[in-house]
Amino acid sequence: MKKNKIAMVVFDMAGTTVNEDNLVYKILKNTINLSGFDFSLEQVLAQAAGKEKRQAIRSVLAIYANNSEEALISRIYDEFIITLTAAYSREDIFPQSNAKALFSALKDRNILVVLNTGYDSFTANSIIEKLGWKEGIDFDALVTASDVPGNRPDPDMIEFAMKRFGLTDSSSVVKVGDSTIDIQEGQNAGCGLNIGITTGAHTSVQLQKANPDQIIDDLIELLPLVDNFGS
C-alpha cells in the first residue's frame, strides 16, 4: 500500500539545526559539578542529550550518583538557566550546515518545518532570535518543553505541532534529531520516518541503539529521503 506523502518535518534544535558546539551540555556538566560532582562531558551527553533540562539533571544524578534529591535538582537547574542565558548572549551560535537550504527546499514542497526542543520557551526563543530566524518565514512553528505536559521521549511536542496544523496522520510526519531520545520521541508519536543525525550529541553508534530509519551526517541528506518516501 502506498504511504501518504510527508506533510511535516519536526527538527530538534541544538546539535541538529543549531550549531553551538555542545555549549548547553558543557554548561550543564559544569553546573552539576559545582555541586560536588565530577562527571565528564561524555557522561552528561549520554544521559542528558535531548531531554527537558530539569529531567536531564535528574537523569545524570540518578544514573551516576544514585541521587534523586529534588531540592538539589532544582538548585542546579536554576543556576544552569542563568548561566546558559548569559552564555547564549555572548557566545557565537550558527545554523547547522545546510539548515536554511533544507528549510527552503521543504517549503518549496509545501512541507511544514517545525522546531522542537527540550529547552524552555524563553531559552529557545532567545536562540532563534540570535540566529535571525523568523517564524512563518524561515520555519513554521516552534514547540518547546514549556508548551506540553510530557517531554521526550513522550510524543507530546509532536502531537502538539500536528494539532496546531490540523494533521491527523502521524505517518506523514518526519522527526530528525541528534540524540536517541529524539528518535524515541518520533517513534512514540508514530512518525513515518525517524532520522538520527551525527552533528550533535550522540555518535552514529549511539544513535543506532534507538533503531532509527536512517542516520545522516548532514541535514541536506534528508531531502531524498523525504522525496522518495512512499514510493
N, C-alpha and C. Protein backbone atom coordinates (compact mmCIF):
# COMPACT_ATOMS: atom_id res chain seq x y z
N MET A 1 0.84 -1.19 0.00
CA MET A 1 0.00 0.00 0.00
C MET A 1 0.88 1.25 0.00
N LYS A 2 0.60 2.19 -0.86
CA LYS A 2 1.38 3.41 -0.96
C LYS A 2 1.15 4.30 0.26
N LYS A 3 2.24 4.80 0.84
CA LYS A 3 2.15 5.66 2.00
C LYS A 3 1.77 7.09 1.58
N ASN A 4 1.25 7.84 2.54
CA ASN A 4 0.99 9.24 2.30
C ASN A 4 2.30 10.00 2.13
N LYS A 5 2.25 11.12 1.45
CA LYS A 5 3.42 11.97 1.33
C LYS A 5 3.69 12.67 2.66
N ILE A 6 4.92 13.14 2.80
CA ILE A 6 5.32 13.85 4.01
C ILE A 6 4.64 15.22 4.04
N ALA A 7 4.05 15.55 5.21
CA ALA A 7 3.39 16.84 5.39
C ALA A 7 4.16 17.76 6.33
N MET A 8 4.97 17.17 7.22
CA MET A 8 5.67 17.96 8.24
C MET A 8 6.98 17.29 8.62
N VAL A 9 8.01 18.10 8.83
CA VAL A 9 9.25 17.61 9.41
C VAL A 9 9.48 18.35 10.72
N VAL A 10 9.70 17.59 11.80
CA VAL A 10 9.95 18.15 13.12
C VAL A 10 11.44 17.98 13.42
N PHE A 11 12.12 19.10 13.60
CA PHE A 11 13.56 19.12 13.84
C PHE A 11 13.87 19.50 15.29
N ASP A 12 14.77 18.74 15.90
CA ASP A 12 15.37 19.20 17.14
C ASP A 12 16.19 20.46 16.85
N MET A 13 16.54 21.21 17.89
CA MET A 13 17.32 22.43 17.71
C MET A 13 18.82 22.19 17.94
N ALA A 14 19.30 22.32 19.18
CA ALA A 14 20.73 22.24 19.46
C ALA A 14 21.32 20.92 18.98
N GLY A 15 22.34 21.01 18.14
CA GLY A 15 23.00 19.83 17.61
C GLY A 15 22.41 19.32 16.32
N THR A 16 21.18 19.71 16.02
CA THR A 16 20.50 19.24 14.81
C THR A 16 20.37 20.36 13.79
N THR A 17 19.69 21.44 14.16
CA THR A 17 19.55 22.59 13.27
C THR A 17 20.37 23.78 13.74
N VAL A 18 20.84 23.73 14.99
CA VAL A 18 21.64 24.81 15.57
C VAL A 18 23.01 24.27 15.96
N ASN A 19 24.05 24.94 15.49
CA ASN A 19 25.43 24.55 15.80
C ASN A 19 25.95 25.41 16.93
N GLU A 20 26.02 24.83 18.13
CA GLU A 20 26.52 25.56 19.29
C GLU A 20 27.59 24.77 20.04
N ASP A 21 28.19 23.80 19.32
CA ASP A 21 29.35 23.05 19.83
C ASP A 21 29.09 22.47 21.22
N ASN A 22 27.88 21.90 21.39
CA ASN A 22 27.51 21.27 22.67
C ASN A 22 27.62 22.23 23.85
N LEU A 23 27.45 23.53 23.59
CA LEU A 23 27.54 24.52 24.66
C LEU A 23 26.63 24.20 25.83
N VAL A 24 25.39 23.81 25.51
CA VAL A 24 24.41 23.57 26.58
C VAL A 24 24.86 22.44 27.51
N TYR A 25 25.46 21.38 26.95
CA TYR A 25 25.84 20.25 27.78
C TYR A 25 27.16 20.49 28.51
N LYS A 26 28.01 21.34 27.94
CA LYS A 26 29.22 21.75 28.66
C LYS A 26 28.84 22.57 29.89
N ILE A 27 27.88 23.48 29.71
CA ILE A 27 27.42 24.29 30.85
C ILE A 27 26.68 23.42 31.86
N LEU A 28 25.88 22.49 31.35
CA LEU A 28 25.16 21.58 32.26
C LEU A 28 26.15 20.78 33.09
N LYS A 29 27.18 20.24 32.46
CA LYS A 29 28.21 19.48 33.18
C LYS A 29 28.86 20.35 34.26
N ASN A 30 29.28 21.55 33.87
CA ASN A 30 29.97 22.42 34.82
C ASN A 30 29.07 22.80 35.99
N THR A 31 27.80 23.07 35.70
CA THR A 31 26.88 23.48 36.75
C THR A 31 26.61 22.34 37.72
N ILE A 32 26.42 21.13 37.20
CA ILE A 32 26.24 19.97 38.08
C ILE A 32 27.48 19.74 38.93
N ASN A 33 28.65 19.83 38.30
CA ASN A 33 29.90 19.54 39.02
C ASN A 33 30.20 20.56 40.10
N LEU A 34 29.67 21.78 39.97
CA LEU A 34 29.84 22.78 41.02
C LEU A 34 29.16 22.37 42.33
N SER A 35 28.25 21.40 42.24
CA SER A 35 27.56 20.90 43.43
C SER A 35 28.28 19.70 44.04
N GLY A 36 29.54 19.51 43.66
CA GLY A 36 30.35 18.49 44.33
C GLY A 36 30.52 17.19 43.55
N PHE A 37 30.21 17.21 42.25
CA PHE A 37 30.35 16.01 41.42
C PHE A 37 31.51 16.18 40.45
N ASP A 38 31.82 15.13 39.73
CA ASP A 38 32.95 15.17 38.79
C ASP A 38 32.61 14.36 37.55
N PHE A 39 31.51 14.71 36.90
CA PHE A 39 31.08 13.99 35.71
C PHE A 39 31.80 14.51 34.48
N SER A 40 32.01 13.62 33.52
CA SER A 40 32.62 14.02 32.25
C SER A 40 31.54 14.49 31.27
N LEU A 41 31.97 15.20 30.24
CA LEU A 41 31.03 15.62 29.21
C LEU A 41 30.38 14.42 28.54
N GLU A 42 31.16 13.36 28.34
CA GLU A 42 30.61 12.15 27.70
C GLU A 42 29.49 11.54 28.55
N GLN A 43 29.66 11.54 29.86
CA GLN A 43 28.61 11.03 30.73
C GLN A 43 27.35 11.88 30.64
N VAL A 44 27.52 13.18 30.65
CA VAL A 44 26.37 14.08 30.57
C VAL A 44 25.66 13.93 29.23
N LEU A 45 26.41 13.87 28.15
CA LEU A 45 25.81 13.70 26.83
C LEU A 45 25.03 12.39 26.75
N ALA A 46 25.59 11.35 27.31
CA ALA A 46 24.95 10.03 27.22
C ALA A 46 23.58 10.01 27.88
N GLN A 47 23.42 10.71 29.01
CA GLN A 47 22.18 10.64 29.78
C GLN A 47 21.26 11.85 29.59
N ALA A 48 21.82 12.99 29.18
CA ALA A 48 21.04 14.24 29.18
C ALA A 48 20.59 14.69 27.80
N ALA A 49 21.25 14.23 26.75
CA ALA A 49 21.00 14.78 25.41
C ALA A 49 19.53 14.67 25.01
N GLY A 50 18.98 15.79 24.58
CA GLY A 50 17.63 15.83 24.05
C GLY A 50 16.53 15.96 25.07
N LYS A 51 16.86 15.80 26.34
CA LYS A 51 15.82 15.81 27.37
C LYS A 51 15.50 17.24 27.83
N GLU A 52 14.28 17.41 28.34
CA GLU A 52 13.96 18.63 29.08
C GLU A 52 15.02 18.76 30.16
N LYS A 53 15.50 19.99 30.36
CA LYS A 53 16.75 20.14 31.09
C LYS A 53 16.66 19.80 32.58
N ARG A 54 15.53 20.01 33.21
CA ARG A 54 15.38 19.56 34.60
C ARG A 54 15.45 18.03 34.66
N GLN A 55 14.79 17.38 33.69
CA GLN A 55 14.83 15.92 33.62
C GLN A 55 16.24 15.44 33.29
N ALA A 56 16.96 16.20 32.50
CA ALA A 56 18.34 15.85 32.16
C ALA A 56 19.20 15.80 33.41
N ILE A 57 19.07 16.81 34.24
CA ILE A 57 19.82 16.84 35.50
C ILE A 57 19.42 15.66 36.38
N ARG A 58 18.13 15.42 36.46
CA ARG A 58 17.61 14.30 37.26
C ARG A 58 18.21 12.98 36.79
N SER A 59 18.28 12.79 35.48
CA SER A 59 18.80 11.54 34.93
C SER A 59 20.28 11.36 35.23
N VAL A 60 21.06 12.42 35.05
CA VAL A 60 22.50 12.34 35.32
C VAL A 60 22.77 11.98 36.76
N LEU A 61 22.09 12.66 37.68
CA LEU A 61 22.31 12.41 39.11
C LEU A 61 21.84 11.01 39.51
N ALA A 62 20.72 10.57 38.95
CA ALA A 62 20.20 9.25 39.30
C ALA A 62 21.11 8.14 38.82
N ILE A 63 21.59 8.25 37.60
CA ILE A 63 22.39 7.18 37.00
C ILE A 63 23.79 7.12 37.61
N TYR A 64 24.43 8.26 37.75
CA TYR A 64 25.85 8.27 38.13
C TYR A 64 26.10 8.50 39.62
N ALA A 65 25.10 9.04 40.33
CA ALA A 65 25.32 9.35 41.75
C ALA A 65 24.25 8.76 42.66
N ASN A 66 23.29 8.05 42.07
CA ASN A 66 22.18 7.48 42.85
C ASN A 66 21.54 8.54 43.74
N ASN A 67 21.37 9.74 43.16
CA ASN A 67 20.86 10.88 43.91
C ASN A 67 19.59 11.37 43.24
N SER A 68 18.50 11.46 44.00
CA SER A 68 17.24 11.94 43.45
C SER A 68 16.67 13.09 44.27
N GLU A 69 17.54 13.85 44.89
CA GLU A 69 17.12 14.94 45.77
C GLU A 69 16.56 16.09 44.92
N GLU A 70 15.27 16.32 45.00
CA GLU A 70 14.63 17.32 44.15
C GLU A 70 15.08 18.74 44.46
N ALA A 71 15.39 19.03 45.72
CA ALA A 71 15.87 20.36 46.06
C ALA A 71 17.21 20.64 45.37
N LEU A 72 18.06 19.65 45.32
CA LEU A 72 19.35 19.78 44.64
C LEU A 72 19.14 19.95 43.14
N ILE A 73 18.26 19.14 42.57
CA ILE A 73 17.97 19.23 41.13
C ILE A 73 17.47 20.63 40.77
N SER A 74 16.57 21.15 41.58
CA SER A 74 16.02 22.50 41.32
C SER A 74 17.09 23.57 41.44
N ARG A 75 17.95 23.43 42.43
CA ARG A 75 19.02 24.42 42.62
C ARG A 75 19.98 24.41 41.43
N ILE A 76 20.35 23.21 40.96
CA ILE A 76 21.23 23.11 39.80
C ILE A 76 20.54 23.66 38.55
N TYR A 77 19.27 23.34 38.38
CA TYR A 77 18.54 23.80 37.21
C TYR A 77 18.47 25.33 37.17
N ASP A 78 18.16 25.94 38.29
CA ASP A 78 18.05 27.40 38.33
C ASP A 78 19.37 28.06 37.97
N GLU A 79 20.47 27.53 38.49
CA GLU A 79 21.79 28.09 38.19
C GLU A 79 22.16 27.82 36.72
N PHE A 80 21.79 26.66 36.23
CA PHE A 80 22.06 26.32 34.84
C PHE A 80 21.39 27.30 33.89
N ILE A 81 20.12 27.61 34.12
CA ILE A 81 19.38 28.52 33.24
C ILE A 81 20.02 29.91 33.25
N ILE A 82 20.41 30.38 34.41
CA ILE A 82 21.07 31.69 34.49
C ILE A 82 22.37 31.69 33.70
N THR A 83 23.18 30.65 33.89
CA THR A 83 24.48 30.56 33.21
C THR A 83 24.31 30.39 31.71
N LEU A 84 23.35 29.56 31.32
CA LEU A 84 23.12 29.31 29.90
C LEU A 84 22.63 30.58 29.19
N THR A 85 21.72 31.30 29.82
CA THR A 85 21.21 32.53 29.21
C THR A 85 22.33 33.53 28.99
N ALA A 86 23.21 33.66 29.97
CA ALA A 86 24.35 34.57 29.83
C ALA A 86 25.29 34.10 28.72
N ALA A 87 25.52 32.79 28.65
CA ALA A 87 26.42 32.25 27.62
C ALA A 87 25.87 32.45 26.22
N TYR A 88 24.57 32.20 26.05
CA TYR A 88 23.98 32.38 24.73
C TYR A 88 23.99 33.84 24.29
N SER A 89 24.02 34.76 25.24
CA SER A 89 24.04 36.18 24.88
C SER A 89 25.40 36.62 24.36
N ARG A 90 26.47 35.88 24.75
CA ARG A 90 27.81 36.31 24.36
C ARG A 90 28.50 35.36 23.38
N GLU A 91 28.10 34.09 23.36
CA GLU A 91 28.78 33.12 22.50
C GLU A 91 28.21 33.12 21.09
N ASP A 92 29.05 32.73 20.12
CA ASP A 92 28.59 32.60 18.75
C ASP A 92 27.83 31.29 18.57
N ILE A 93 26.67 31.37 17.97
CA ILE A 93 25.94 30.18 17.55
C ILE A 93 25.53 30.37 16.10
N PHE A 94 25.43 29.28 15.39
CA PHE A 94 25.20 29.34 13.96
C PHE A 94 24.15 28.31 13.55
N PRO A 95 23.51 28.53 12.41
CA PRO A 95 22.67 27.47 11.84
C PRO A 95 23.55 26.27 11.51
N GLN A 96 23.04 25.08 11.71
CA GLN A 96 23.76 23.89 11.30
C GLN A 96 23.93 23.90 9.78
N SER A 97 24.95 23.25 9.30
CA SER A 97 25.22 23.20 7.86
C SER A 97 23.98 22.81 7.07
N ASN A 98 23.64 23.63 6.09
CA ASN A 98 22.54 23.40 5.15
C ASN A 98 21.15 23.49 5.78
N ALA A 99 21.05 24.01 7.01
CA ALA A 99 19.73 24.11 7.64
C ALA A 99 18.81 25.01 6.84
N LYS A 100 19.27 26.22 6.53
CA LYS A 100 18.41 27.16 5.80
C LYS A 100 18.07 26.64 4.42
N ALA A 101 19.02 26.01 3.75
CA ALA A 101 18.77 25.46 2.42
C ALA A 101 17.71 24.37 2.47
N LEU A 102 17.79 23.52 3.49
CA LEU A 102 16.80 22.45 3.63
C LEU A 102 15.43 23.01 3.97
N PHE A 103 15.37 23.97 4.88
CA PHE A 103 14.09 24.58 5.21
C PHE A 103 13.42 25.14 3.96
N SER A 104 14.22 25.82 3.14
CA SER A 104 13.69 26.43 1.92
C SER A 104 13.20 25.37 0.94
N ALA A 105 13.97 24.28 0.81
CA ALA A 105 13.58 23.20 -0.10
C ALA A 105 12.29 22.53 0.37
N LEU A 106 12.14 22.35 1.67
CA LEU A 106 10.90 21.76 2.20
C LEU A 106 9.72 22.71 1.97
N LYS A 107 9.95 23.99 2.15
CA LYS A 107 8.90 24.98 1.91
C LYS A 107 8.43 24.92 0.46
N ASP A 108 9.38 24.76 -0.46
CA ASP A 108 9.05 24.65 -1.88
C ASP A 108 8.17 23.43 -2.16
N ARG A 109 8.28 22.43 -1.30
CA ARG A 109 7.50 21.20 -1.45
C ARG A 109 6.20 21.25 -0.62
N ASN A 110 5.90 22.40 -0.04
CA ASN A 110 4.72 22.57 0.82
C ASN A 110 4.75 21.64 2.03
N ILE A 111 5.95 21.42 2.57
CA ILE A 111 6.14 20.61 3.77
C ILE A 111 6.42 21.54 4.94
N LEU A 112 5.67 21.38 6.01
CA LEU A 112 5.83 22.22 7.19
C LEU A 112 7.16 21.93 7.89
N VAL A 113 7.81 22.99 8.37
CA VAL A 113 9.06 22.88 9.13
C VAL A 113 8.78 23.32 10.56
N VAL A 114 8.92 22.38 11.50
CA VAL A 114 8.67 22.65 12.91
C VAL A 114 9.95 22.40 13.70
N LEU A 115 10.29 23.31 14.60
CA LEU A 115 11.40 23.12 15.53
C LEU A 115 10.84 22.69 16.87
N ASN A 116 11.47 21.69 17.49
CA ASN A 116 11.08 21.35 18.86
C ASN A 116 12.32 21.13 19.71
N THR A 117 12.17 21.27 21.02
CA THR A 117 13.36 21.32 21.87
C THR A 117 13.02 21.01 23.32
N GLY A 118 14.03 20.49 24.02
CA GLY A 118 13.91 20.30 25.46
C GLY A 118 14.17 21.56 26.25
N TYR A 119 14.50 22.67 25.55
CA TYR A 119 14.65 23.96 26.22
C TYR A 119 13.29 24.50 26.64
N ASP A 120 13.29 25.40 27.60
CA ASP A 120 12.10 26.17 27.91
C ASP A 120 11.88 27.21 26.81
N SER A 121 10.70 27.82 26.79
CA SER A 121 10.33 28.74 25.72
C SER A 121 11.25 29.95 25.66
N PHE A 122 11.61 30.52 26.81
CA PHE A 122 12.45 31.72 26.82
C PHE A 122 13.80 31.44 26.17
N THR A 123 14.44 30.33 26.57
CA THR A 123 15.75 29.99 26.03
C THR A 123 15.68 29.70 24.55
N ALA A 124 14.70 28.92 24.13
CA ALA A 124 14.56 28.56 22.72
C ALA A 124 14.36 29.80 21.85
N ASN A 125 13.51 30.70 22.30
CA ASN A 125 13.23 31.90 21.52
C ASN A 125 14.43 32.83 21.47
N SER A 126 15.23 32.85 22.53
CA SER A 126 16.43 33.69 22.51
C SER A 126 17.45 33.16 21.51
N ILE A 127 17.52 31.84 21.36
CA ILE A 127 18.42 31.24 20.36
C ILE A 127 17.95 31.59 18.96
N ILE A 128 16.67 31.43 18.71
CA ILE A 128 16.11 31.73 17.39
C ILE A 128 16.30 33.20 17.03
N GLU A 129 16.11 34.06 18.02
CA GLU A 129 16.31 35.50 17.78
C GLU A 129 17.76 35.79 17.41
N LYS A 130 18.70 35.15 18.11
CA LYS A 130 20.11 35.38 17.81
C LYS A 130 20.49 34.88 16.42
N LEU A 131 19.86 33.79 15.99
CA LEU A 131 20.11 33.27 14.65
C LEU A 131 19.47 34.14 13.57
N GLY A 132 18.50 34.95 13.95
CA GLY A 132 17.79 35.78 12.98
C GLY A 132 16.71 35.04 12.23
N TRP A 133 16.29 33.88 12.76
CA TRP A 133 15.21 33.13 12.13
C TRP A 133 13.86 33.72 12.53
N LYS A 134 12.92 33.68 11.59
CA LYS A 134 11.59 34.22 11.83
C LYS A 134 10.53 33.14 11.62
N GLU A 135 9.67 32.96 12.64
CA GLU A 135 8.55 32.03 12.50
C GLU A 135 7.61 32.53 11.41
N GLY A 136 7.19 31.61 10.53
CA GLY A 136 6.35 31.98 9.41
C GLY A 136 7.13 32.33 8.16
N ILE A 137 8.44 32.51 8.31
CA ILE A 137 9.30 32.80 7.15
C ILE A 137 10.34 31.70 6.99
N ASP A 138 11.19 31.53 8.00
CA ASP A 138 12.24 30.50 7.93
C ASP A 138 11.74 29.14 8.38
N PHE A 139 10.79 29.13 9.31
CA PHE A 139 10.19 27.89 9.79
C PHE A 139 8.74 28.19 10.14
N ASP A 140 7.97 27.14 10.36
CA ASP A 140 6.52 27.32 10.54
C ASP A 140 6.08 27.38 12.00
N ALA A 141 6.79 26.71 12.89
CA ALA A 141 6.38 26.70 14.30
C ALA A 141 7.52 26.24 15.18
N LEU A 142 7.46 26.68 16.44
CA LEU A 142 8.37 26.23 17.47
C LEU A 142 7.55 25.63 18.60
N VAL A 143 7.95 24.44 19.05
CA VAL A 143 7.32 23.80 20.20
C VAL A 143 8.42 23.52 21.22
N THR A 144 8.21 23.97 22.46
CA THR A 144 9.23 23.81 23.50
C THR A 144 8.71 22.97 24.66
N ALA A 145 9.62 22.67 25.57
CA ALA A 145 9.24 21.91 26.76
C ALA A 145 8.21 22.64 27.60
N SER A 146 8.14 23.96 27.44
CA SER A 146 7.17 24.75 28.21
C SER A 146 5.74 24.58 27.71
N ASP A 147 5.59 24.05 26.51
CA ASP A 147 4.28 24.03 25.85
C ASP A 147 3.45 22.78 26.13
N VAL A 148 4.08 21.75 26.70
CA VAL A 148 3.41 20.45 26.80
C VAL A 148 3.63 19.84 28.18
N PRO A 149 2.72 18.97 28.62
CA PRO A 149 2.89 18.33 29.93
C PRO A 149 3.95 17.25 29.95
N GLY A 150 4.12 16.54 28.83
CA GLY A 150 5.08 15.44 28.79
C GLY A 150 6.19 15.73 27.80
N ASN A 151 7.41 15.49 28.22
CA ASN A 151 8.56 15.75 27.35
C ASN A 151 9.22 14.45 26.90
N ARG A 152 10.14 14.58 25.98
CA ARG A 152 10.77 13.42 25.36
C ARG A 152 11.18 12.37 26.41
N PRO A 153 10.97 11.09 26.11
CA PRO A 153 10.54 10.53 24.83
C PRO A 153 9.03 10.51 24.60
N ASP A 154 8.25 11.15 25.46
CA ASP A 154 6.81 11.25 25.21
C ASP A 154 6.58 12.01 23.90
N PRO A 155 5.50 11.72 23.20
CA PRO A 155 5.26 12.31 21.89
C PRO A 155 4.55 13.66 21.92
N ASP A 156 4.39 14.24 23.11
CA ASP A 156 3.52 15.41 23.28
C ASP A 156 3.87 16.58 22.37
N MET A 157 5.17 16.88 22.21
CA MET A 157 5.54 18.04 21.39
C MET A 157 5.18 17.83 19.93
N ILE A 158 5.36 16.62 19.42
CA ILE A 158 5.00 16.34 18.04
C ILE A 158 3.48 16.38 17.87
N GLU A 159 2.78 15.80 18.81
CA GLU A 159 1.31 15.82 18.74
C GLU A 159 0.77 17.24 18.84
N PHE A 160 1.42 18.08 19.65
CA PHE A 160 1.04 19.49 19.77
C PHE A 160 1.18 20.18 18.42
N ALA A 161 2.29 19.92 17.73
CA ALA A 161 2.52 20.53 16.42
C ALA A 161 1.51 20.03 15.39
N MET A 162 1.22 18.74 15.42
CA MET A 162 0.24 18.19 14.49
C MET A 162 -1.13 18.83 14.69
N LYS A 163 -1.52 18.96 15.94
CA LYS A 163 -2.82 19.56 16.24
C LYS A 163 -2.88 21.00 15.76
N ARG A 164 -1.81 21.73 15.94
CA ARG A 164 -1.77 23.13 15.50
C ARG A 164 -2.06 23.27 14.01
N PHE A 165 -1.56 22.33 13.22
CA PHE A 165 -1.72 22.42 11.78
C PHE A 165 -2.79 21.48 11.23
N GLY A 166 -3.56 20.87 12.12
CA GLY A 166 -4.67 20.05 11.69
C GLY A 166 -4.28 18.74 11.06
N LEU A 167 -3.12 18.22 11.41
CA LEU A 167 -2.67 16.93 10.87
C LEU A 167 -3.14 15.80 11.79
N THR A 168 -3.63 14.75 11.20
CA THR A 168 -4.14 13.62 12.00
C THR A 168 -3.37 12.32 11.74
N ASP A 169 -2.58 12.28 10.69
CA ASP A 169 -1.85 11.06 10.33
C ASP A 169 -0.36 11.24 10.65
N SER A 170 0.08 10.64 11.74
CA SER A 170 1.48 10.83 12.15
C SER A 170 2.46 10.17 11.19
N SER A 171 1.99 9.26 10.34
CA SER A 171 2.90 8.63 9.38
C SER A 171 3.34 9.61 8.30
N SER A 172 2.70 10.78 8.24
CA SER A 172 3.11 11.81 7.29
C SER A 172 4.10 12.80 7.91
N VAL A 173 4.57 12.48 9.12
CA VAL A 173 5.49 13.35 9.84
C VAL A 173 6.87 12.69 9.94
N VAL A 174 7.91 13.49 9.81
CA VAL A 174 9.29 13.04 9.99
C VAL A 174 9.86 13.69 11.24
N LYS A 175 10.60 12.93 12.04
CA LYS A 175 11.34 13.51 13.17
C LYS A 175 12.83 13.36 12.92
N VAL A 176 13.58 14.46 13.13
CA VAL A 176 15.03 14.46 12.93
C VAL A 176 15.69 14.97 14.21
N GLY A 177 16.67 14.23 14.72
CA GLY A 177 17.35 14.68 15.93
C GLY A 177 18.70 14.03 16.11
N ASP A 178 19.51 14.62 16.99
CA ASP A 178 20.89 14.18 17.19
C ASP A 178 21.08 13.31 18.43
N SER A 179 19.97 12.88 19.05
CA SER A 179 20.07 12.04 20.24
C SER A 179 19.09 10.88 20.15
N THR A 180 19.36 9.84 20.91
CA THR A 180 18.48 8.68 20.88
C THR A 180 17.07 9.04 21.34
N ILE A 181 16.96 9.96 22.28
CA ILE A 181 15.64 10.30 22.81
C ILE A 181 14.81 11.06 21.77
N ASP A 182 15.48 11.76 20.84
CA ASP A 182 14.76 12.36 19.71
C ASP A 182 14.10 11.28 18.86
N ILE A 183 14.87 10.25 18.59
CA ILE A 183 14.37 9.15 17.76
C ILE A 183 13.21 8.44 18.48
N GLN A 184 13.37 8.20 19.75
CA GLN A 184 12.32 7.55 20.54
C GLN A 184 11.05 8.40 20.57
N GLU A 185 11.22 9.71 20.66
CA GLU A 185 10.08 10.62 20.63
C GLU A 185 9.29 10.44 19.34
N GLY A 186 9.99 10.42 18.21
CA GLY A 186 9.33 10.23 16.92
C GLY A 186 8.66 8.88 16.80
N GLN A 187 9.33 7.85 17.29
CA GLN A 187 8.74 6.51 17.26
C GLN A 187 7.48 6.46 18.10
N ASN A 188 7.50 7.08 19.27
CA ASN A 188 6.33 7.08 20.15
C ASN A 188 5.17 7.88 19.57
N ALA A 189 5.49 8.84 18.71
CA ALA A 189 4.45 9.61 18.03
C ALA A 189 3.92 8.90 16.79
N GLY A 190 4.58 7.83 16.37
CA GLY A 190 4.17 7.10 15.16
C GLY A 190 4.61 7.77 13.88
N CYS A 191 5.71 8.53 13.94
CA CYS A 191 6.19 9.22 12.75
C CYS A 191 6.58 8.23 11.64
N GLY A 192 6.36 8.66 10.41
CA GLY A 192 6.65 7.80 9.27
C GLY A 192 8.13 7.58 9.05
N LEU A 193 8.95 8.56 9.42
CA LEU A 193 10.40 8.44 9.36
C LEU A 193 10.99 9.02 10.63
N ASN A 194 11.95 8.32 11.20
CA ASN A 194 12.67 8.80 12.38
C ASN A 194 14.15 8.76 12.06
N ILE A 195 14.74 9.95 11.96
CA ILE A 195 16.08 10.11 11.42
C ILE A 195 17.04 10.61 12.48
N GLY A 196 18.16 9.92 12.65
CA GLY A 196 19.23 10.41 13.50
C GLY A 196 20.25 11.16 12.68
N ILE A 197 20.88 12.17 13.29
CA ILE A 197 21.92 12.93 12.61
C ILE A 197 23.14 13.04 13.51
N THR A 198 24.32 12.95 12.93
CA THR A 198 25.56 12.82 13.70
C THR A 198 26.24 14.16 14.00
N THR A 199 25.53 15.26 13.85
CA THR A 199 26.14 16.58 14.01
C THR A 199 26.10 17.10 15.45
N GLY A 200 25.55 16.31 16.37
CA GLY A 200 25.37 16.84 17.72
C GLY A 200 25.82 15.91 18.83
N ALA A 201 24.91 15.59 19.72
CA ALA A 201 25.26 14.96 21.00
C ALA A 201 25.72 13.51 20.87
N HIS A 202 25.06 12.72 20.03
CA HIS A 202 25.32 11.29 20.01
C HIS A 202 26.00 10.85 18.70
N THR A 203 26.87 9.88 18.84
CA THR A 203 27.55 9.32 17.69
C THR A 203 26.62 8.40 16.90
N SER A 204 27.06 8.00 15.73
CA SER A 204 26.28 7.07 14.92
C SER A 204 26.02 5.77 15.68
N VAL A 205 27.02 5.28 16.40
CA VAL A 205 26.86 4.04 17.17
C VAL A 205 25.80 4.22 18.26
N GLN A 206 25.84 5.35 18.94
CA GLN A 206 24.85 5.62 19.98
C GLN A 206 23.44 5.77 19.38
N LEU A 207 23.35 6.49 18.28
CA LEU A 207 22.06 6.70 17.63
C LEU A 207 21.45 5.38 17.18
N GLN A 208 22.29 4.46 16.70
CA GLN A 208 21.82 3.20 16.17
C GLN A 208 21.10 2.37 17.23
N LYS A 209 21.41 2.63 18.51
CA LYS A 209 20.76 1.88 19.59
C LYS A 209 19.26 2.14 19.66
N ALA A 210 18.82 3.28 19.10
CA ALA A 210 17.39 3.61 19.10
C ALA A 210 16.69 3.11 17.83
N ASN A 211 17.41 2.43 16.96
CA ASN A 211 16.84 1.86 15.73
C ASN A 211 16.13 2.90 14.85
N PRO A 212 16.85 3.97 14.47
CA PRO A 212 16.25 4.94 13.55
C PRO A 212 16.06 4.34 12.17
N ASP A 213 15.22 4.97 11.37
CA ASP A 213 15.05 4.51 10.00
C ASP A 213 16.28 4.81 9.15
N GLN A 214 16.99 5.86 9.52
CA GLN A 214 18.20 6.25 8.79
C GLN A 214 19.05 7.14 9.69
N ILE A 215 20.36 7.10 9.48
CA ILE A 215 21.27 8.03 10.13
C ILE A 215 21.96 8.83 9.04
N ILE A 216 21.95 10.16 9.18
CA ILE A 216 22.57 11.04 8.20
C ILE A 216 23.66 11.86 8.86
N ASP A 217 24.55 12.43 8.04
CA ASP A 217 25.66 13.22 8.54
C ASP A 217 25.50 14.71 8.24
N ASP A 218 24.51 15.04 7.42
CA ASP A 218 24.26 16.44 7.05
C ASP A 218 22.78 16.59 6.77
N LEU A 219 22.21 17.72 7.17
CA LEU A 219 20.77 17.91 7.02
C LEU A 219 20.28 17.75 5.59
N ILE A 220 21.08 18.16 4.62
CA ILE A 220 20.62 18.12 3.24
C ILE A 220 20.37 16.69 2.76
N GLU A 221 20.96 15.71 3.46
CA GLU A 221 20.74 14.30 3.12
C GLU A 221 19.31 13.87 3.40
N LEU A 222 18.57 14.69 4.13
CA LEU A 222 17.16 14.36 4.40
C LEU A 222 16.31 14.48 3.16
N LEU A 223 16.68 15.37 2.25
CA LEU A 223 15.80 15.70 1.12
C LEU A 223 15.42 14.50 0.26
N PRO A 224 16.37 13.67 -0.19
CA PRO A 224 15.95 12.50 -0.97
C PRO A 224 15.11 11.50 -0.19
N LEU A 225 15.34 11.42 1.13
CA LEU A 225 14.52 10.52 1.95
C LEU A 225 13.07 10.98 1.97
N VAL A 226 12.87 12.29 2.04
CA VAL A 226 11.51 12.86 2.00
C VAL A 226 10.91 12.68 0.61
N ASP A 227 11.70 12.97 -0.42
CA ASP A 227 11.19 12.89 -1.79
C ASP A 227 10.79 11.47 -2.18
N ASN A 228 11.52 10.49 -1.64
CA ASN A 228 11.29 9.09 -2.02
C ASN A 228 10.35 8.37 -1.07
N PHE A 229 9.90 9.05 -0.03
CA PHE A 229 9.03 8.41 0.94
C PHE A 229 7.72 7.96 0.30
N GLY A 230 7.41 6.70 0.51
CA GLY A 230 6.15 6.17 -0.02
C GLY A 230 6.23 5.66 -1.44
N SER A 231 7.39 5.82 -2.07
CA SER A 231 7.48 5.39 -3.49
C SER A 231 7.89 3.92 -3.57
